């Protein structure tokens, strides 16, 4: 199966989960993330604002602001670039052209990350992941791989049976958190 076929199939599966199920599973995922030692140690948490049927991140955003004073979220700068900006309140977010909430550019861009929490569409048990196909995270994370833990949030239903064949520029997750487990990837 190609990445595009996997993407289509998994998005349809995820979209088919009931809203009630997604909200309950999302809360479980977020609570697990808050217990990670990597989260506890991280001074700066780089997160994302959930969109459509993704595992919800609102509780995690609010808790991170409460515990750390700030959370860093991505803002798309161009067709190939995104940057992270800090917010201290979700009211600081605005919708971009895709309808995704993101921060306005601010002075507190590009702090040193302590933990990345990223979205994905599908994953395998080796930490390979498929995103939406734009490559934003792979381009951004390349300089941090191996230096900063990368965790991904997903529903257990997004796990692929078998291996996702990575491309040279694909960045693996170090940790995948689902409502059922915390999967730590060993190199």
N, C-alpha and C. Protein backbone atom coordinates (compact mmCIF):
# COMPACT_ATOMS: atom_id res chain seq x y z
N UNK A 1 0.84 -1.18 0.00
CA UNK A 1 0.00 0.00 0.00
C UNK A 1 0.89 1.25 0.00
N UNK A 2 0.54 2.24 -0.79
CA UNK A 2 1.33 3.48 -0.85
C UNK A 2 0.99 4.35 0.37
N UNK A 3 1.84 5.35 0.61
CA UNK A 3 1.57 6.27 1.71
C UNK A 3 0.23 6.97 1.51
N UNK A 4 -0.07 7.35 0.29
CA UNK A 4 -1.34 8.04 0.02
C UNK A 4 -2.52 7.11 0.29
N UNK A 5 -2.41 5.84 -0.06
CA UNK A 5 -3.48 4.88 0.22
C UNK A 5 -3.64 4.68 1.73
N UNK A 6 -2.52 4.57 2.43
CA UNK A 6 -2.57 4.43 3.89
C UNK A 6 -3.21 5.68 4.50
N UNK A 7 -2.79 6.84 4.03
CA UNK A 7 -3.32 8.11 4.53
C UNK A 7 -4.84 8.16 4.36
N UNK A 8 -5.30 7.86 3.16
CA UNK A 8 -6.74 7.90 2.87
C UNK A 8 -7.52 6.93 3.74
N UNK A 9 -7.02 5.72 3.82
CA UNK A 9 -7.70 4.67 4.59
C UNK A 9 -7.76 5.03 6.08
N UNK A 10 -6.64 5.50 6.61
CA UNK A 10 -6.58 5.80 8.05
C UNK A 10 -7.40 7.04 8.39
N UNK A 11 -7.38 8.05 7.53
CA UNK A 11 -8.20 9.23 7.78
C UNK A 11 -9.68 8.87 7.77
N UNK A 12 -10.09 8.01 6.85
CA UNK A 12 -11.49 7.58 6.80
C UNK A 12 -11.86 6.81 8.07
N UNK A 13 -10.95 5.96 8.52
CA UNK A 13 -11.18 5.21 9.76
C UNK A 13 -11.30 6.16 10.94
N UNK A 14 -10.35 7.10 11.04
CA UNK A 14 -10.37 8.06 12.16
C UNK A 14 -11.62 8.94 12.11
N UNK A 15 -11.97 9.41 10.92
CA UNK A 15 -13.18 10.22 10.77
C UNK A 15 -14.43 9.44 11.17
N UNK A 16 -14.38 8.11 11.03
CA UNK A 16 -15.53 7.28 11.35
C UNK A 16 -15.71 6.99 12.83
N UNK A 17 -14.71 7.32 13.65
CA UNK A 17 -14.85 7.13 15.10
C UNK A 17 -15.88 8.14 15.62
N UNK A 18 -16.71 7.72 16.53
CA UNK A 18 -17.73 8.64 17.05
C UNK A 18 -17.07 9.78 17.83
N UNK A 19 -17.73 10.92 17.86
CA UNK A 19 -17.19 12.07 18.57
C UNK A 19 -17.01 11.75 20.06
N UNK A 20 -17.96 11.05 20.63
CA UNK A 20 -17.88 10.69 22.05
C UNK A 20 -16.66 9.81 22.29
N UNK A 21 -16.45 8.83 21.43
CA UNK A 21 -15.29 7.94 21.56
C UNK A 21 -14.00 8.74 21.45
N UNK A 22 -13.92 9.62 20.43
CA UNK A 22 -12.71 10.41 20.23
C UNK A 22 -12.41 11.29 21.44
N UNK A 23 -13.45 11.90 22.02
CA UNK A 23 -13.22 12.78 23.18
C UNK A 23 -12.72 11.99 24.39
N UNK A 24 -13.33 10.84 24.65
CA UNK A 24 -12.89 10.01 25.79
C UNK A 24 -11.48 9.48 25.57
N UNK A 25 -11.22 8.99 24.37
CA UNK A 25 -9.88 8.47 24.06
C UNK A 25 -8.85 9.60 24.11
N UNK A 26 -9.21 10.77 23.61
CA UNK A 26 -8.30 11.93 23.62
C UNK A 26 -7.92 12.32 25.04
N UNK A 27 -8.89 12.33 25.93
CA UNK A 27 -8.59 12.68 27.32
C UNK A 27 -7.61 11.67 27.92
N UNK A 28 -7.81 10.39 27.63
CA UNK A 28 -6.89 9.36 28.12
C UNK A 28 -5.48 9.58 27.56
N UNK A 29 -5.39 9.89 26.28
CA UNK A 29 -4.09 10.14 25.65
C UNK A 29 -3.40 11.34 26.31
N UNK A 30 -4.15 12.42 26.49
CA UNK A 30 -3.57 13.64 27.08
C UNK A 30 -3.11 13.40 28.52
N UNK A 31 -3.90 12.66 29.29
CA UNK A 31 -3.51 12.36 30.67
C UNK A 31 -2.24 11.53 30.71
N UNK A 32 -2.10 10.58 29.77
CA UNK A 32 -0.86 9.78 29.70
C UNK A 32 0.33 10.68 29.37
N UNK A 33 0.16 11.59 28.42
CA UNK A 33 1.25 12.49 28.05
C UNK A 33 1.72 13.32 29.23
N UNK A 34 0.79 13.76 30.05
CA UNK A 34 1.15 14.59 31.21
C UNK A 34 1.98 13.83 32.24
N UNK A 35 1.96 12.50 32.18
CA UNK A 35 2.74 11.69 33.14
C UNK A 35 4.12 11.32 32.62
N UNK A 36 4.41 11.62 31.36
CA UNK A 36 5.71 11.26 30.80
C UNK A 36 6.83 12.02 31.51
N UNK A 37 7.92 11.35 31.87
CA UNK A 37 9.07 12.06 32.46
C UNK A 37 9.59 13.14 31.50
N UNK A 38 9.52 12.89 30.21
CA UNK A 38 9.97 13.87 29.22
C UNK A 38 9.13 15.14 29.28
N UNK A 39 7.85 14.99 29.56
CA UNK A 39 6.98 16.15 29.71
C UNK A 39 7.33 16.90 31.00
N UNK A 40 7.47 16.15 32.06
CA UNK A 40 7.79 16.76 33.37
C UNK A 40 9.08 17.59 33.30
N UNK A 41 10.11 17.05 32.62
CA UNK A 41 11.42 17.71 32.54
C UNK A 41 11.45 18.89 31.57
N UNK A 42 10.57 18.86 30.59
CA UNK A 42 10.63 19.85 29.51
C UNK A 42 10.25 21.25 30.00
N UNK A 43 11.13 22.20 29.78
CA UNK A 43 10.81 23.58 30.10
C UNK A 43 9.88 24.15 29.03
N UNK A 44 10.17 23.82 27.77
CA UNK A 44 9.36 24.30 26.64
C UNK A 44 8.75 23.13 25.89
N UNK A 45 7.43 23.07 25.89
CA UNK A 45 6.71 22.02 25.19
C UNK A 45 6.18 22.58 23.88
N UNK A 46 6.55 21.92 22.80
CA UNK A 46 6.08 22.27 21.46
C UNK A 46 4.95 21.30 21.11
N UNK A 47 3.79 21.83 20.88
CA UNK A 47 2.57 21.05 20.72
C UNK A 47 1.88 21.49 19.44
N UNK A 48 0.68 21.07 19.21
CA UNK A 48 -0.10 21.51 18.07
C UNK A 48 -1.55 21.62 18.51
N UNK A 49 -2.33 22.40 17.79
CA UNK A 49 -3.76 22.52 18.07
C UNK A 49 -4.48 21.50 17.22
N UNK A 50 -5.23 20.62 17.85
CA UNK A 50 -5.93 19.56 17.11
C UNK A 50 -6.90 20.15 16.09
N UNK A 51 -7.15 19.36 15.05
CA UNK A 51 -7.98 19.80 13.94
C UNK A 51 -8.78 18.60 13.44
N UNK A 52 -10.04 18.86 13.12
CA UNK A 52 -10.95 17.82 12.61
C UNK A 52 -10.97 16.62 13.56
N UNK A 53 -10.68 15.41 13.05
CA UNK A 53 -10.83 14.21 13.87
C UNK A 53 -9.54 13.78 14.58
N UNK A 54 -8.54 14.65 14.62
CA UNK A 54 -7.31 14.33 15.35
C UNK A 54 -7.62 14.15 16.83
N UNK A 55 -6.75 13.42 17.52
CA UNK A 55 -6.85 13.34 18.98
C UNK A 55 -6.82 14.77 19.52
N UNK A 56 -7.79 15.10 20.33
CA UNK A 56 -7.95 16.46 20.84
C UNK A 56 -6.76 16.86 21.72
N UNK A 57 -6.33 18.12 21.60
CA UNK A 57 -5.19 18.61 22.38
C UNK A 57 -5.56 19.76 23.33
N UNK A 58 -6.82 20.15 23.40
CA UNK A 58 -7.19 21.34 24.17
C UNK A 58 -6.84 21.24 25.65
N UNK A 59 -7.15 20.11 26.27
CA UNK A 59 -6.82 19.92 27.68
C UNK A 59 -5.30 20.00 27.88
N UNK A 60 -4.55 19.38 26.98
CA UNK A 60 -3.09 19.37 27.07
C UNK A 60 -2.52 20.78 26.90
N UNK A 61 -3.08 21.53 25.98
CA UNK A 61 -2.65 22.93 25.80
C UNK A 61 -2.89 23.72 27.08
N UNK A 62 -4.10 23.62 27.62
CA UNK A 62 -4.45 24.35 28.84
C UNK A 62 -3.59 23.92 30.03
N UNK A 63 -3.38 22.62 30.17
CA UNK A 63 -2.57 22.13 31.28
C UNK A 63 -1.11 22.56 31.15
N UNK A 64 -0.61 22.58 29.93
CA UNK A 64 0.77 23.00 29.72
C UNK A 64 0.94 24.47 30.06
N UNK A 65 -0.02 25.29 29.66
CA UNK A 65 0.02 26.71 30.03
C UNK A 65 -0.02 26.85 31.55
N UNK A 66 -0.90 26.09 32.17
CA UNK A 66 -1.04 26.14 33.63
C UNK A 66 0.25 25.70 34.34
N UNK A 67 0.85 24.63 33.87
CA UNK A 67 2.04 24.07 34.53
C UNK A 67 3.34 24.76 34.14
N UNK A 68 3.46 25.16 32.88
CA UNK A 68 4.73 25.69 32.37
C UNK A 68 4.68 27.20 32.12
N UNK A 69 3.47 27.76 32.11
CA UNK A 69 3.32 29.20 31.87
C UNK A 69 3.19 29.57 30.41
N UNK A 70 3.57 28.66 29.51
CA UNK A 70 3.55 28.93 28.08
C UNK A 70 3.55 27.59 27.34
N UNK A 71 2.98 27.57 26.15
CA UNK A 71 3.06 26.42 25.26
C UNK A 71 3.37 26.95 23.86
N UNK A 72 4.15 26.21 23.10
CA UNK A 72 4.53 26.64 21.76
C UNK A 72 3.76 25.85 20.72
N UNK A 73 3.11 26.58 19.81
CA UNK A 73 2.31 25.97 18.76
C UNK A 73 2.81 26.41 17.39
N UNK A 74 2.58 25.58 16.37
CA UNK A 74 3.11 25.92 15.04
C UNK A 74 2.25 26.95 14.31
N UNK A 75 2.93 27.70 13.48
CA UNK A 75 2.28 28.63 12.56
C UNK A 75 2.91 28.39 11.19
N UNK A 76 2.08 28.13 10.20
CA UNK A 76 2.57 27.91 8.85
C UNK A 76 3.02 29.25 8.27
N UNK A 77 4.27 29.29 7.82
CA UNK A 77 4.86 30.52 7.29
C UNK A 77 4.77 30.57 5.76
N UNK A 78 4.85 29.40 5.14
CA UNK A 78 4.81 29.31 3.68
C UNK A 78 4.43 27.88 3.32
N UNK A 79 4.52 27.56 2.06
CA UNK A 79 4.17 26.20 1.62
C UNK A 79 5.14 25.15 2.13
N UNK A 80 6.30 25.59 2.61
CA UNK A 80 7.29 24.62 3.07
C UNK A 80 7.83 24.90 4.48
N UNK A 81 7.38 25.96 5.10
CA UNK A 81 7.98 26.34 6.39
C UNK A 81 6.92 26.61 7.45
N UNK A 82 7.23 26.14 8.66
CA UNK A 82 6.44 26.51 9.83
C UNK A 82 7.40 26.91 10.93
N UNK A 83 6.90 27.72 11.85
CA UNK A 83 7.65 28.15 13.02
C UNK A 83 6.76 27.99 14.23
N UNK A 84 7.35 27.93 15.40
CA UNK A 84 6.58 27.79 16.64
C UNK A 84 6.61 29.10 17.41
N UNK A 85 5.46 29.46 17.95
CA UNK A 85 5.32 30.67 18.75
C UNK A 85 4.63 30.31 20.07
N UNK A 86 5.04 30.99 21.13
CA UNK A 86 4.47 30.74 22.44
C UNK A 86 3.16 31.48 22.65
N UNK A 87 2.26 30.80 23.36
CA UNK A 87 1.01 31.45 23.80
C UNK A 87 0.84 31.18 25.29
N UNK A 88 0.14 32.09 25.93
CA UNK A 88 -0.16 31.94 27.35
C UNK A 88 -1.66 31.79 27.59
N UNK A 89 -2.42 31.80 26.48
CA UNK A 89 -3.88 31.67 26.56
C UNK A 89 -4.38 31.29 25.17
N UNK A 90 -5.33 30.38 25.10
CA UNK A 90 -5.85 29.95 23.79
C UNK A 90 -6.56 31.07 23.04
N UNK A 91 -6.92 32.14 23.73
CA UNK A 91 -7.55 33.27 23.04
C UNK A 91 -6.57 34.01 22.14
N UNK A 92 -5.29 33.67 22.23
CA UNK A 92 -4.27 34.28 21.38
C UNK A 92 -4.18 33.61 20.01
N UNK A 93 -5.02 32.62 19.75
CA UNK A 93 -4.97 31.87 18.50
C UNK A 93 -5.94 32.44 17.46
N UNK A 94 -5.55 32.34 16.20
CA UNK A 94 -6.40 32.78 15.08
C UNK A 94 -6.44 31.66 14.03
N UNK A 95 -7.51 31.61 13.24
CA UNK A 95 -7.63 30.60 12.21
C UNK A 95 -6.79 30.96 11.00
N UNK A 96 -6.09 29.97 10.48
CA UNK A 96 -5.34 30.19 9.24
C UNK A 96 -6.23 29.84 8.05
N UNK A 97 -5.68 29.84 6.86
CA UNK A 97 -6.45 29.59 5.66
C UNK A 97 -7.06 28.20 5.58
N UNK A 98 -6.53 27.26 6.36
CA UNK A 98 -7.07 25.90 6.40
C UNK A 98 -8.10 25.72 7.51
N UNK A 99 -8.31 26.78 8.31
CA UNK A 99 -9.23 26.68 9.43
C UNK A 99 -8.59 26.16 10.70
N UNK A 100 -7.27 26.02 10.70
CA UNK A 100 -6.55 25.53 11.88
C UNK A 100 -6.16 26.72 12.75
N UNK A 101 -6.39 26.59 14.05
CA UNK A 101 -6.00 27.66 14.97
C UNK A 101 -4.50 27.64 15.17
N UNK A 102 -3.89 28.83 15.06
CA UNK A 102 -2.45 28.96 15.24
C UNK A 102 -2.14 30.32 15.87
N UNK A 103 -0.96 30.43 16.49
CA UNK A 103 -0.60 31.70 17.12
C UNK A 103 -0.20 32.75 16.10
N UNK A 104 -0.32 33.99 16.51
CA UNK A 104 0.21 35.09 15.71
C UNK A 104 1.72 35.11 15.89
N UNK A 105 2.47 35.62 14.91
CA UNK A 105 3.91 35.76 15.13
C UNK A 105 4.17 36.65 16.33
N UNK A 106 5.15 36.30 17.10
CA UNK A 106 5.44 37.05 18.33
C UNK A 106 6.93 37.03 18.60
N UNK A 107 7.32 37.78 19.61
CA UNK A 107 8.73 37.85 20.00
C UNK A 107 9.24 36.52 20.54
N UNK A 108 8.35 35.73 21.13
CA UNK A 108 8.81 34.51 21.79
C UNK A 108 8.80 33.30 20.87
N UNK A 109 9.23 33.50 19.64
CA UNK A 109 9.39 32.42 18.68
C UNK A 109 10.70 31.68 18.94
N UNK A 110 10.70 30.40 18.57
CA UNK A 110 11.91 29.61 18.49
C UNK A 110 12.72 29.50 19.80
N UNK A 111 12.05 29.24 20.88
CA UNK A 111 12.77 28.89 22.10
C UNK A 111 13.36 27.50 21.90
N UNK A 112 14.24 27.09 22.78
CA UNK A 112 14.79 25.75 22.70
C UNK A 112 13.73 24.76 23.17
N UNK A 113 13.34 23.83 22.31
CA UNK A 113 12.31 22.87 22.71
C UNK A 113 12.85 21.87 23.72
N UNK A 114 11.95 21.42 24.60
CA UNK A 114 12.29 20.36 25.53
C UNK A 114 11.58 19.08 25.18
N UNK A 115 10.45 19.21 24.48
CA UNK A 115 9.65 18.07 24.04
C UNK A 115 8.78 18.52 22.89
N UNK A 116 8.75 17.70 21.85
CA UNK A 116 7.81 17.91 20.75
C UNK A 116 6.67 16.91 20.90
N UNK A 117 5.46 17.39 20.73
CA UNK A 117 4.29 16.51 20.65
C UNK A 117 3.65 16.81 19.31
N UNK A 118 3.66 15.82 18.43
CA UNK A 118 3.28 16.06 17.04
C UNK A 118 2.05 15.23 16.64
N UNK A 119 1.35 15.68 15.61
CA UNK A 119 0.23 14.90 15.09
C UNK A 119 0.73 13.85 14.10
N UNK A 120 -0.13 12.92 13.78
CA UNK A 120 0.15 11.97 12.72
C UNK A 120 -1.16 11.43 12.18
N UNK A 121 -1.08 10.80 11.03
CA UNK A 121 -2.24 10.16 10.44
C UNK A 121 -2.20 8.66 10.70
N UNK A 122 -1.02 8.05 10.52
CA UNK A 122 -0.86 6.62 10.75
C UNK A 122 0.54 6.39 11.30
N UNK A 123 0.72 5.26 11.98
CA UNK A 123 2.03 4.91 12.53
C UNK A 123 2.19 3.41 12.57
N UNK A 124 3.44 2.97 12.71
CA UNK A 124 3.69 1.56 12.95
C UNK A 124 4.42 1.42 14.28
N UNK A 125 4.64 0.20 14.69
CA UNK A 125 5.22 -0.04 16.02
C UNK A 125 6.71 0.27 16.10
N UNK A 126 7.32 0.63 14.97
CA UNK A 126 8.72 1.04 14.96
C UNK A 126 8.86 2.56 15.03
N UNK A 127 7.74 3.27 15.13
CA UNK A 127 7.77 4.72 15.24
C UNK A 127 7.70 5.46 13.92
N UNK A 128 7.65 4.73 12.80
CA UNK A 128 7.47 5.40 11.52
C UNK A 128 6.06 5.97 11.49
N UNK A 129 5.93 7.12 10.86
CA UNK A 129 4.63 7.77 10.85
C UNK A 129 4.34 8.37 9.49
N UNK A 130 3.08 8.55 9.25
CA UNK A 130 2.62 9.23 8.05
C UNK A 130 1.82 10.42 8.52
N UNK A 131 2.16 11.59 7.97
CA UNK A 131 1.41 12.80 8.27
C UNK A 131 0.45 13.11 7.15
N UNK A 132 0.17 14.36 6.98
CA UNK A 132 -0.77 14.79 5.95
C UNK A 132 -0.13 14.94 4.58
N UNK A 133 1.18 14.81 4.49
CA UNK A 133 1.85 14.83 3.21
C UNK A 133 2.59 16.11 2.87
N UNK A 134 2.51 17.11 3.74
CA UNK A 134 3.19 18.38 3.46
C UNK A 134 4.65 18.40 3.86
N UNK A 135 5.07 17.50 4.75
CA UNK A 135 6.46 17.43 5.18
C UNK A 135 6.89 18.51 6.16
N UNK A 136 5.94 19.30 6.67
CA UNK A 136 6.29 20.40 7.58
C UNK A 136 7.07 19.91 8.80
N UNK A 137 6.56 18.88 9.46
CA UNK A 137 7.22 18.41 10.67
C UNK A 137 8.57 17.77 10.37
N UNK A 138 8.65 16.99 9.30
CA UNK A 138 9.93 16.37 8.95
C UNK A 138 11.00 17.43 8.71
N UNK A 139 10.65 18.48 7.99
CA UNK A 139 11.63 19.55 7.73
C UNK A 139 12.01 20.27 9.02
N UNK A 140 11.02 20.51 9.88
CA UNK A 140 11.29 21.25 11.12
C UNK A 140 12.09 20.39 12.11
N UNK A 141 11.75 19.13 12.22
CA UNK A 141 12.34 18.27 13.25
C UNK A 141 13.73 17.74 12.93
N UNK A 142 14.14 17.83 11.69
CA UNK A 142 15.41 17.21 11.29
C UNK A 142 16.58 17.67 12.16
N UNK A 143 16.62 18.91 12.54
CA UNK A 143 17.76 19.39 13.34
C UNK A 143 17.63 19.04 14.83
N UNK A 144 16.47 18.54 15.24
CA UNK A 144 16.26 18.20 16.65
C UNK A 144 16.28 16.70 16.92
N UNK A 145 16.18 15.87 15.86
CA UNK A 145 16.11 14.42 16.03
C UNK A 145 17.32 13.92 16.81
N UNK A 146 17.04 13.15 17.85
CA UNK A 146 18.11 12.60 18.68
C UNK A 146 18.52 13.52 19.81
N UNK A 147 18.11 14.79 19.74
CA UNK A 147 18.48 15.75 20.80
C UNK A 147 17.27 16.11 21.66
N UNK A 148 16.08 16.02 21.10
CA UNK A 148 14.85 16.39 21.80
C UNK A 148 13.85 15.26 21.59
N UNK A 149 13.21 14.78 22.67
CA UNK A 149 12.23 13.71 22.49
C UNK A 149 11.06 14.16 21.61
N UNK A 150 10.63 13.26 20.73
CA UNK A 150 9.51 13.51 19.84
C UNK A 150 8.42 12.51 20.17
N UNK A 151 7.31 13.02 20.68
CA UNK A 151 6.17 12.18 21.01
C UNK A 151 5.05 12.47 20.02
N UNK A 152 4.27 11.47 19.71
CA UNK A 152 3.13 11.64 18.81
C UNK A 152 1.87 11.16 19.52
N UNK A 153 0.80 11.87 19.24
CA UNK A 153 -0.52 11.51 19.79
C UNK A 153 -1.33 10.83 18.68
N UNK A 154 -1.98 9.71 19.02
CA UNK A 154 -2.80 9.02 18.03
C UNK A 154 -3.80 8.12 18.74
N UNK A 155 -4.85 7.81 18.04
CA UNK A 155 -5.75 6.77 18.52
C UNK A 155 -5.12 5.42 18.17
N UNK A 156 -5.32 4.43 19.00
CA UNK A 156 -4.76 3.10 18.75
C UNK A 156 -5.19 2.58 17.38
N UNK A 157 -6.35 2.98 16.92
CA UNK A 157 -6.87 2.53 15.64
C UNK A 157 -6.04 3.03 14.45
N UNK A 158 -5.16 3.98 14.67
CA UNK A 158 -4.32 4.51 13.60
C UNK A 158 -3.05 3.70 13.39
N UNK A 159 -2.83 2.66 14.20
CA UNK A 159 -1.66 1.82 14.07
C UNK A 159 -1.82 0.91 12.85
N UNK A 160 -0.78 0.85 12.05
CA UNK A 160 -0.78 0.00 10.86
C UNK A 160 -0.31 -1.40 11.23
N UNK A 161 -0.95 -2.37 10.66
CA UNK A 161 -0.43 -3.74 10.75
C UNK A 161 0.68 -3.83 9.72
N UNK A 162 1.87 -4.09 10.17
CA UNK A 162 3.00 -4.11 9.26
C UNK A 162 3.80 -2.83 9.37
N UNK A 163 4.77 -2.72 8.50
CA UNK A 163 5.73 -1.62 8.57
C UNK A 163 5.39 -0.54 7.55
N UNK A 164 5.51 0.70 7.97
CA UNK A 164 5.42 1.83 7.04
C UNK A 164 6.83 2.04 6.49
N UNK A 165 6.97 1.98 5.20
CA UNK A 165 8.29 2.16 4.59
C UNK A 165 8.68 3.64 4.63
N UNK A 166 9.71 3.98 5.40
CA UNK A 166 10.10 5.39 5.51
C UNK A 166 10.87 5.87 4.28
N UNK A 167 10.76 7.15 4.03
CA UNK A 167 11.60 7.79 3.03
C UNK A 167 12.79 8.40 3.76
N UNK A 168 13.81 8.79 3.03
CA UNK A 168 15.05 9.28 3.65
C UNK A 168 14.82 10.46 4.58
N UNK A 169 13.87 11.33 4.28
CA UNK A 169 13.67 12.54 5.08
C UNK A 169 12.62 12.37 6.18
N UNK A 170 12.06 11.18 6.34
CA UNK A 170 11.04 10.95 7.37
C UNK A 170 11.66 10.88 8.76
N UNK A 171 11.06 11.58 9.69
CA UNK A 171 11.50 11.58 11.09
C UNK A 171 10.57 10.68 11.89
N UNK A 172 11.16 9.73 12.61
CA UNK A 172 10.37 8.82 13.44
C UNK A 172 10.00 9.49 14.76
N UNK A 173 8.94 9.00 15.36
CA UNK A 173 8.59 9.40 16.72
C UNK A 173 9.39 8.54 17.69
N UNK A 174 9.75 9.11 18.84
CA UNK A 174 10.43 8.35 19.89
C UNK A 174 9.42 7.68 20.81
N UNK A 175 8.26 8.33 20.91
CA UNK A 175 7.19 7.85 21.80
C UNK A 175 5.87 8.06 21.06
N UNK A 176 5.01 7.05 21.09
CA UNK A 176 3.66 7.21 20.55
C UNK A 176 2.70 6.92 21.69
N UNK A 177 1.82 7.88 21.94
CA UNK A 177 0.87 7.75 23.05
C UNK A 177 -0.52 7.60 22.46
N UNK A 178 -1.17 6.49 22.84
CA UNK A 178 -2.56 6.24 22.45
C UNK A 178 -3.39 6.08 23.71
N UNK A 179 -4.68 5.91 23.53
CA UNK A 179 -5.54 5.68 24.69
C UNK A 179 -5.26 4.34 25.34
N UNK A 180 -4.57 3.45 24.63
CA UNK A 180 -4.31 2.11 25.15
C UNK A 180 -2.90 1.91 25.70
N UNK A 181 -1.93 2.70 25.19
CA UNK A 181 -0.55 2.44 25.60
C UNK A 181 0.36 3.64 25.35
N UNK A 182 1.51 3.55 25.99
CA UNK A 182 2.63 4.44 25.69
C UNK A 182 3.67 3.55 25.04
N UNK A 183 3.91 3.79 23.76
CA UNK A 183 4.83 2.98 22.98
C UNK A 183 6.16 3.73 22.87
N UNK A 184 7.19 3.17 23.50
CA UNK A 184 8.53 3.76 23.43
C UNK A 184 9.31 3.05 22.35
N UNK A 185 9.87 3.82 21.44
CA UNK A 185 10.56 3.26 20.29
C UNK A 185 12.05 3.15 20.61
N UNK A 186 12.58 1.98 20.44
CA UNK A 186 14.01 1.75 20.65
C UNK A 186 14.70 1.80 19.30
N UNK A 187 15.83 2.46 19.24
CA UNK A 187 16.61 2.54 17.98
C UNK A 187 17.39 1.27 17.78
